Structures are given as C-alpha cells and as structure tokens.
Amino acid sequence: MIHNCKELATELVALLNENDRSNNEKVGLATDIIQPMIDAAELNEKSRNYMRELLEASAIACLENAAVLYAKYYSAAELSELIRFNSSDVGRKSLVIGMQIAKDQVAFGREFSENYLEKFPMGELVSFDITTPTEKLNESIVISVDGGLVQDISGIPEGVGVEVWDYDTEGMDEERIEEDDNGNEFVRSEY
C-alpha cells in the first residue's frame, strides 16, 4: 500500500509518542531548559506563572505539530525507514535512552548556567516586563471625535503610542499629506 508523507509522518509521531509519559517528559524537559532563565529574571509571581503556562502550551503545540515537520523534511521512503527503525528493539531503546540523554544534558546545562549566573547575575543584565497588553490598559481608551475629526485620545497606557491615519485629506496642508503602501493619501496624527 502506498502511503503519502503526511500519513507516514502521523504514524511515526504516534509511534514516537505512544504513551503520555513520553509527551509529559518532553514537556517537562522543555520546562527544565527554560526554568533557570525564568527564575534568574527576577519576575513577579504572576509573570513567572504566565511564562510557565506559555512554555508548557508552546511545548505541547510543538509536539502536536511534529507530524507536519516530519512530512516537510522526510520523503515517504525515509519516513517508512524511520517507522521500521523505531518499531525495532534498538529503536524503542533509543527513544528511552535518547530522552535520558536529553535530561542529563539539561541537568548539565542547568548546573553550568546556575554556576555562571552566580558570577554574572542575569537580573543585572535584563529586565523583563511580562504583562499582557490588557493588563497595561486602563479600563478604556477614549477617542473624542467632533465633526468627523479626532479631537483627543485619552487613557493611553504609558509607553504606547497611537497613530491616527485620516484619509480625508481635503483642505490639509500639503506637507502633512503622506501616502500609505497602496498609494492612498492620508494625514498622520500621533498621540
């Protein structure tokens, strides 16, 4: 029976991830790699939790996308060979040992990073402000319009700029008129 790359890649990923423990270990491994950086960044508790959730969701999404990537980089013949290998005793062992090797490498990297960070604290180099955009906003941004013209914009969070592109350029000073990427004229106002 002839299989296409997508079907073979899906079969391979199912074989590689045939138990939940394997997926949980991979997600845990990804977390272990990044966790020292999160800790060293001296984030507040909410930001640390947000980063952990983001990391876990990202790792899971990457696992789910694996079949697409295998199909992209391997031919049907190569995928069939990988399936045969990973179905063999040595292939199954390589999955278990490969995960252990990766864990050992992460542990080594973590120890190395922790020793290095003691000499060169990350908090002195980088400051993170990890908040979602809605956390930075006041309850609302108010745009005051009179006669079709923006009069004022208030409630803009610190560090956020607002540009208004007005395409009604009739009667505007020529030096203020710009063109957008489509060649349409507009006047820019910044708040």
C-alpha atoms as a PDB file:
ATOM      1  CA  MET A   1       0.000   0.000   0.000  1.00  0.00           C
ATOM      2  CA  ILE A   2       1.359   3.409  -0.972  1.00  0.00           C
ATOM      3  CA  HIS A   3       1.296   5.991   1.810  1.00  0.00           C
ATOM      4  CA  ASN A   4       1.772   9.689   1.467  1.00  0.00           C
ATOM      5  CA  CYS A   5       4.228  11.631   3.626  1.00  0.00           C
ATOM      6  CA  LYS A   6       1.522  13.107   5.836  1.00  0.00           C
ATOM      7  CA  GLU A   7       0.078   9.678   6.720  1.00  0.00           C
ATOM      8  CA  LEU A   8       3.542   8.242   7.350  1.00  0.00           C
ATOM      9  CA  ALA A   9       4.587  11.234   9.441  1.00  0.00           C
ATOM     10  CA  THR A  10       1.430  10.908  11.548  1.00  0.00           C
ATOM     11  CA  GLU A  11       2.170   7.201  12.048  1.00  0.00           C
ATOM     12  CA  LEU A  12       5.788   7.969  13.026  1.00  0.00           C
ATOM     13  CA  VAL A  13       4.788  10.653  15.536  1.00  0.00           C
ATOM     14  CA  ALA A  14       2.209   8.298  17.048  1.00  0.00           C
ATOM     15  CA  LEU A  15       4.936   5.683  17.412  1.00  0.00           C
ATOM     16  CA  LEU A  16       7.381   8.180  18.922  1.00  0.00           C
ATOM     17  CA  ASN A  17       4.743   9.415  21.357  1.00  0.00           C
ATOM     18  CA  GLU A  18       2.904   6.186  22.002  1.00  0.00           C
ATOM     19  CA  ASN A  19       2.444   6.896  25.687  1.00  0.00           C
ATOM     20  CA  ASP A  20       1.507  10.020  27.598  1.00  0.00           C
ATOM     21  CA  ARG A  21       4.572   9.610  29.796  1.00  0.00           C
ATOM     22  CA  SER A  22       6.778  10.306  26.784  1.00  0.00           C
ATOM     23  CA  ASN A  23       4.918  13.533  25.957  1.00  0.00           C
ATOM     24  CA  ASN A  24       4.916  14.630  29.594  1.00  0.00           C
ATOM     25  CA  GLU A  25       8.667  14.021  29.761  1.00  0.00           C
ATOM     26  CA  LYS A  26       9.214  16.131  26.643  1.00  0.00           C
ATOM     27  CA  VAL A  27       7.118  18.995  28.002  1.00  0.00           C
ATOM     28  CA  GLY A  28       8.919  18.678  31.342  1.00  0.00           C
ATOM     29  CA  LEU A  29      12.265  18.700  29.570  1.00  0.00           C
ATOM     30  CA  ALA A  30      11.410  21.908  27.728  1.00  0.00           C
ATOM     31  CA  THR A  31      10.354  23.475  31.028  1.00  0.00           C
ATOM     32  CA  ASP A  32      13.601  22.344  32.667  1.00  0.00           C
ATOM     33  CA  ILE A  33      15.619  24.058  29.952  1.00  0.00           C
ATOM     34  CA  ILE A  34      13.920  27.443  30.342  1.00  0.00           C
ATOM     35  CA  GLN A  35      13.126  27.425  34.077  1.00  0.00           C
ATOM     36  CA  PRO A  36      16.550  28.718  35.248  1.00  0.00           C
ATOM     37  CA  MET A  37      16.192  31.707  32.926  1.00  0.00           C
ATOM     38  CA  ILE A  38      12.710  32.453  34.253  1.00  0.00           C
ATOM     39  CA  ASP A  39      13.977  32.233  37.837  1.00  0.00           C
ATOM     40  CA  ALA A  40      17.041  34.364  37.120  1.00  0.00           C
ATOM     41  CA  ALA A  41      14.992  37.125  35.515  1.00  0.00           C
ATOM     42  CA  GLU A  42      13.535  38.075  38.909  1.00  0.00           C
ATOM     43  CA  LEU A  43       9.966  38.192  37.610  1.00  0.00           C
ATOM     44  CA  ASN A  44       6.993  38.715  39.865  1.00  0.00           C
ATOM     45  CA  GLU A  45       4.872  35.643  40.645  1.00  0.00           C
ATOM     46  CA  LYS A  46       2.204  36.494  38.067  1.00  0.00           C
ATOM     47  CA  SER A  47       4.815  36.876  35.331  1.00  0.00           C
ATOM     48  CA  ARG A  48       6.564  33.629  36.327  1.00  0.00           C
ATOM     49  CA  ASN A  49       3.249  31.764  36.173  1.00  0.00           C
ATOM     50  CA  TYR A  50       2.462  33.349  32.811  1.00  0.00           C
ATOM     51  CA  MET A  51       5.875  32.294  31.439  1.00  0.00           C
ATOM     52  CA  ARG A  52       5.432  28.724  32.726  1.00  0.00           C
ATOM     53  CA  GLU A  53       1.978  28.466  31.127  1.00  0.00           C
ATOM     54  CA  LEU A  54       3.294  29.902  27.870  1.00  0.00           C
ATOM     55  CA  LEU A  55       6.215  27.496  27.884  1.00  0.00           C
ATOM     56  CA  GLU A  56       4.028  24.460  28.547  1.00  0.00           C
ATOM     57  CA  ALA A  57       1.473  25.470  25.892  1.00  0.00           C
ATOM     58  CA  SER A  58       4.293  26.069  23.404  1.00  0.00           C
ATOM     59  CA  ALA A  59       5.888  22.671  24.097  1.00  0.00           C
ATOM     60  CA  ILE A  60       2.555  20.893  23.652  1.00  0.00           C
ATOM     61  CA  ALA A  61       1.819  22.768  20.420  1.00  0.00           C
ATOM     62  CA  CYS A  62       5.263  21.843  19.088  1.00  0.00           C
ATOM     63  CA  LEU A  63       4.635  18.163  19.842  1.00  0.00           C
ATOM     64  CA  GLU A  64       1.285  18.360  18.050  1.00  0.00           C
ATOM     65  CA  ASN A  65       2.972  19.990  15.033  1.00  0.00           C
ATOM     66  CA  ALA A  66       5.678  17.320  14.786  1.00  0.00           C
ATOM     67  CA  ALA A  67       3.935  15.294  12.040  1.00  0.00           C
ATOM     68  CA  VAL A  68       3.786  18.357   9.791  1.00  0.00           C
ATOM     69  CA  LEU A  69       7.524  18.893  10.250  1.00  0.00           C
ATOM     70  CA  TYR A  70       8.443  15.236   9.655  1.00  0.00           C
ATOM     71  CA  ALA A  71       6.386  15.294   6.427  1.00  0.00           C
ATOM     72  CA  LYS A  72       8.126  18.507   5.387  1.00  0.00           C
ATOM     73  CA  TYR A  73      11.701  17.224   5.802  1.00  0.00           C
ATOM     74  CA  TYR A  74      11.477  13.480   5.064  1.00  0.00           C
ATOM     75  CA  SER A  75      10.406  11.591   1.971  1.00  0.00           C
ATOM     76  CA  ALA A  76       7.859   8.756   2.195  1.00  0.00           C
ATOM     77  CA  ALA A  77      10.684   6.198   1.882  1.00  0.00           C
ATOM     78  CA  GLU A  78      12.665   7.853   4.694  1.00  0.00           C
ATOM     79  CA  LEU A  79       9.591   8.022   6.933  1.00  0.00           C
ATOM     80  CA  SER A  80       8.922   4.309   6.304  1.00  0.00           C
ATOM     81  CA  GLU A  81      12.520   3.556   7.290  1.00  0.00           C
ATOM     82  CA  LEU A  82      12.200   5.641  10.462  1.00  0.00           C
ATOM     83  CA  ILE A  83       8.995   3.790  11.358  1.00  0.00           C
ATOM     84  CA  ARG A  84      10.724   0.423  10.851  1.00  0.00           C
ATOM     85  CA  PHE A  85      13.709   1.517  12.956  1.00  0.00           C
ATOM     86  CA  ASN A  86      11.631   2.979  15.789  1.00  0.00           C
ATOM     87  CA  SER A  87       9.497  -0.182  15.837  1.00  0.00           C
ATOM     88  CA  SER A  88      12.612  -2.321  16.382  1.00  0.00           C
ATOM     89  CA  ASP A  89      14.091  -3.150  19.795  1.00  0.00           C
ATOM     90  CA  VAL A  90      17.037  -0.813  19.247  1.00  0.00           C
ATOM     91  CA  GLY A  91      14.710   1.945  18.011  1.00  0.00           C
ATOM     92  CA  ARG A  92      12.463   1.679  21.075  1.00  0.00           C
ATOM     93  CA  LYS A  93      15.541   1.665  23.315  1.00  0.00           C
ATOM     94  CA  SER A  94      16.910   4.751  21.548  1.00  0.00           C
ATOM     95  CA  LEU A  95      13.680   6.617  22.364  1.00  0.00           C
ATOM     96  CA  VAL A  96      14.059   5.839  26.084  1.00  0.00           C
ATOM     97  CA  ILE A  97      17.817   6.389  26.198  1.00  0.00           C
ATOM     98  CA  GLY A  98      17.550   9.467  23.993  1.00  0.00           C
ATOM     99  CA  MET A  99      15.161  11.068  26.482  1.00  0.00           C
ATOM    100  CA  GLN A 100      17.523  10.208  29.351  1.00  0.00           C
ATOM    101  CA  ILE A 101      20.490  11.667  27.460  1.00  0.00           C
ATOM    102  CA  ALA A 102      18.485  14.838  26.831  1.00  0.00           C
ATOM    103  CA  LYS A 103      17.569  15.050  30.536  1.00  0.00           C
ATOM    104  CA  ASP A 104      21.206  14.573  31.530  1.00  0.00           C
ATOM    105  CA  GLN A 105      22.247  17.302  29.093  1.00  0.00           C
ATOM    106  CA  VAL A 106      19.623  19.655  30.511  1.00  0.00           C
ATOM    107  CA  ALA A 107      20.813  18.922  34.060  1.00  0.00           C
ATOM    108  CA  PHE A 108      24.391  19.639  32.990  1.00  0.00           C
ATOM    109  CA  GLY A 109      23.290  22.844  31.241  1.00  0.00           C
ATOM    110  CA  ARG A 110      21.271  23.954  34.268  1.00  0.00           C
ATOM    111  CA  GLU A 111      24.204  23.363  36.623  1.00  0.00           C
ATOM    112  CA  PHE A 112      26.528  25.198  34.261  1.00  0.00           C
ATOM    113  CA  SER A 113      24.057  28.111  33.931  1.00  0.00           C
ATOM    114  CA  GLU A 114      23.495  28.365  37.667  1.00  0.00           C
ATOM    115  CA  ASN A 115      27.246  28.463  38.301  1.00  0.00           C
ATOM    116  CA  TYR A 116      27.677  31.036  35.569  1.00  0.00           C
ATOM    117  CA  LEU A 117      24.769  33.176  36.786  1.00  0.00           C
ATOM    118  CA  GLU A 118      26.328  33.358  40.255  1.00  0.00           C
ATOM    119  CA  LYS A 119      29.277  35.135  38.636  1.00  0.00           C
ATOM    120  CA  PHE A 120      27.172  37.258  36.301  1.00  0.00           C
ATOM    121  CA  PRO A 121      23.628  37.778  37.624  1.00  0.00           C
ATOM    122  CA  MET A 122      21.013  37.868  34.881  1.00  0.00           C
ATOM    123  CA  GLY A 123      18.898  40.371  36.812  1.00  0.00           C
ATOM    124  CA  GLU A 124      21.591  42.990  36.321  1.00  0.00           C
ATOM    125  CA  LEU A 125      21.590  42.444  32.568  1.00  0.00           C
ATOM    126  CA  VAL A 126      17.970  42.068  31.603  1.00  0.00           C
ATOM    127  CA  SER A 127      14.730  43.336  32.966  1.00  0.00           C
ATOM    128  CA  PHE A 128      11.505  41.776  31.832  1.00  0.00           C
ATOM    129  CA  ASP A 129       8.070  43.336  31.834  1.00  0.00           C
ATOM    130  CA  ILE A 130       5.864  40.392  31.051  1.00  0.00           C
ATOM    131  CA  THR A 131       2.312  41.594  31.187  1.00  0.00           C
ATOM    132  CA  THR A 132      -0.421  41.009  28.727  1.00  0.00           C
ATOM    133  CA  PRO A 133      -1.466  44.091  26.740  1.00  0.00           C
ATOM    134  CA  THR A 134      -4.826  44.222  28.505  1.00  0.00           C
ATOM    135  CA  GLU A 135      -3.097  44.408  31.887  1.00  0.00           C
ATOM    136  CA  LYS A 136      -1.399  47.636  30.756  1.00  0.00           C
ATOM    137  CA  LEU A 137      -4.610  49.282  29.620  1.00  0.00           C
ATOM    138  CA  ASN A 138      -6.814  51.421  31.751  1.00  0.00           C
ATOM    139  CA  GLU A 139     -10.458  50.467  31.609  1.00  0.00           C
ATOM    140  CA  SER A 140     -10.700  52.070  28.182  1.00  0.00           C
ATOM    141  CA  ILE A 141      -9.019  54.341  25.689  1.00  0.00           C
ATOM    142  CA  VAL A 142     -11.314  57.243  24.881  1.00  0.00           C
ATOM    143  CA  ILE A 143     -11.251  58.788  21.403  1.00  0.00           C
ATOM    144  CA  SER A 144     -13.097  62.107  21.185  1.00  0.00           C
ATOM    145  CA  VAL A 145     -14.409  62.911  17.698  1.00  0.00           C
ATOM    146  CA  ASP A 146     -16.249  66.079  16.675  1.00  0.00           C
ATOM    147  CA  GLY A 147     -17.454  66.695  13.125  1.00  0.00           C
ATOM    148  CA  GLY A 148     -15.544  63.645  11.884  1.00  0.00           C
ATOM    149  CA  LEU A 149     -12.257  64.898  13.353  1.00  0.00           C
ATOM    150  CA  VAL A 150     -10.366  63.301  16.222  1.00  0.00           C
ATOM    151  CA  GLN A 151     -10.134  65.934  18.929  1.00  0.00           C
ATOM    152  CA  ASP A 152      -8.351  63.940  21.650  1.00  0.00           C
ATOM    153  CA  ILE A 153      -7.349  60.453  22.738  1.00  0.00           C
ATOM    154  CA  SER A 154      -7.064  59.720  26.456  1.00  0.00           C
ATOM    155  CA  GLY A 155      -6.328  56.664  28.583  1.00  0.00           C
ATOM    156  CA  ILE A 156      -3.316  55.598  26.510  1.00  0.00           C
ATOM    157  CA  PRO A 157      -1.010  53.379  28.611  1.00  0.00           C
ATOM    158  CA  GLU A 158       2.486  54.632  29.279  1.00  0.00           C
ATOM    159  CA  GLY A 159       4.881  53.595  26.548  1.00  0.00           C
ATOM    160  CA  VAL A 160       2.128  53.053  23.966  1.00  0.00           C
ATOM    161  CA  GLY A 161       1.742  55.399  21.041  1.00  0.00           C
ATOM    162  CA  VAL A 162      -1.385  55.873  18.978  1.00  0.00           C
ATOM    163  CA  GLU A 163      -1.342  56.944  15.341  1.00  0.00           C
ATOM    164  CA  VAL A 164      -4.488  58.107  13.573  1.00  0.00           C
ATOM    165  CA  TRP A 165      -4.373  57.968   9.790  1.00  0.00           C
ATOM    166  CA  ASP A 166      -7.026  60.297   8.394  1.00  0.00           C
ATOM    167  CA  TYR A 167      -7.761  59.602   4.723  1.00  0.00           C
ATOM    168  CA  ASP A 168      -9.930  62.730   4.410  1.00  0.00           C
ATOM    169  CA  THR A 169      -7.103  64.994   3.243  1.00  0.00           C
ATOM    170  CA  GLU A 170      -9.205  67.710   1.613  1.00  0.00           C
ATOM    171  CA  GLY A 171      -8.035  71.129   2.786  1.00  0.00           C
ATOM    172  CA  MET A 172      -4.983  69.727   4.630  1.00  0.00           C
ATOM    173  CA  ASP A 173      -1.521  71.286   4.348  1.00  0.00           C
ATOM    174  CA  GLU A 174       0.346  69.524   1.520  1.00  0.00           C
ATOM    175  CA  GLU A 175       3.466  68.990   3.698  1.00  0.00           C
ATOM    176  CA  ARG A 176       1.396  66.888   6.165  1.00  0.00           C
ATOM    177  CA  ILE A 177      -0.006  64.548   3.493  1.00  0.00           C
ATOM    178  CA  GLU A 178       1.652  61.116   3.234  1.00  0.00           C
ATOM    179  CA  GLU A 179       0.996  58.021   1.122  1.00  0.00           C
ATOM    180  CA  ASP A 180       0.330  54.548   2.529  1.00  0.00           C
ATOM    181  CA  ASP A 181       1.696  51.361   0.923  1.00  0.00           C
ATOM    182  CA  ASN A 182      -1.258  51.310  -1.501  1.00  0.00           C
ATOM    183  CA  GLY A 183      -0.679  54.889  -2.685  1.00  0.00           C
ATOM    184  CA  ASN A 184      -3.617  56.355  -0.766  1.00  0.00           C
ATOM    185  CA  GLU A 185      -3.102  59.792   0.746  1.00  0.00           C
ATOM    186  CA  PHE A 186      -3.567  60.344   4.477  1.00  0.00           C
ATOM    187  CA  VAL A 187      -2.616  62.702   7.281  1.00  0.00           C
ATOM    188  CA  ARG A 188      -0.970  61.204  10.348  1.00  0.00           C
ATOM    189  CA  SER A 189      -1.687  62.424  13.876  1.00  0.00           C
ATOM    190  CA  GLU A 190       0.237  60.959  16.814  1.00  0.00           C
ATOM    191  CA  TYR A 191      -0.922  60.811  20.421  1.00  0.00           C
END
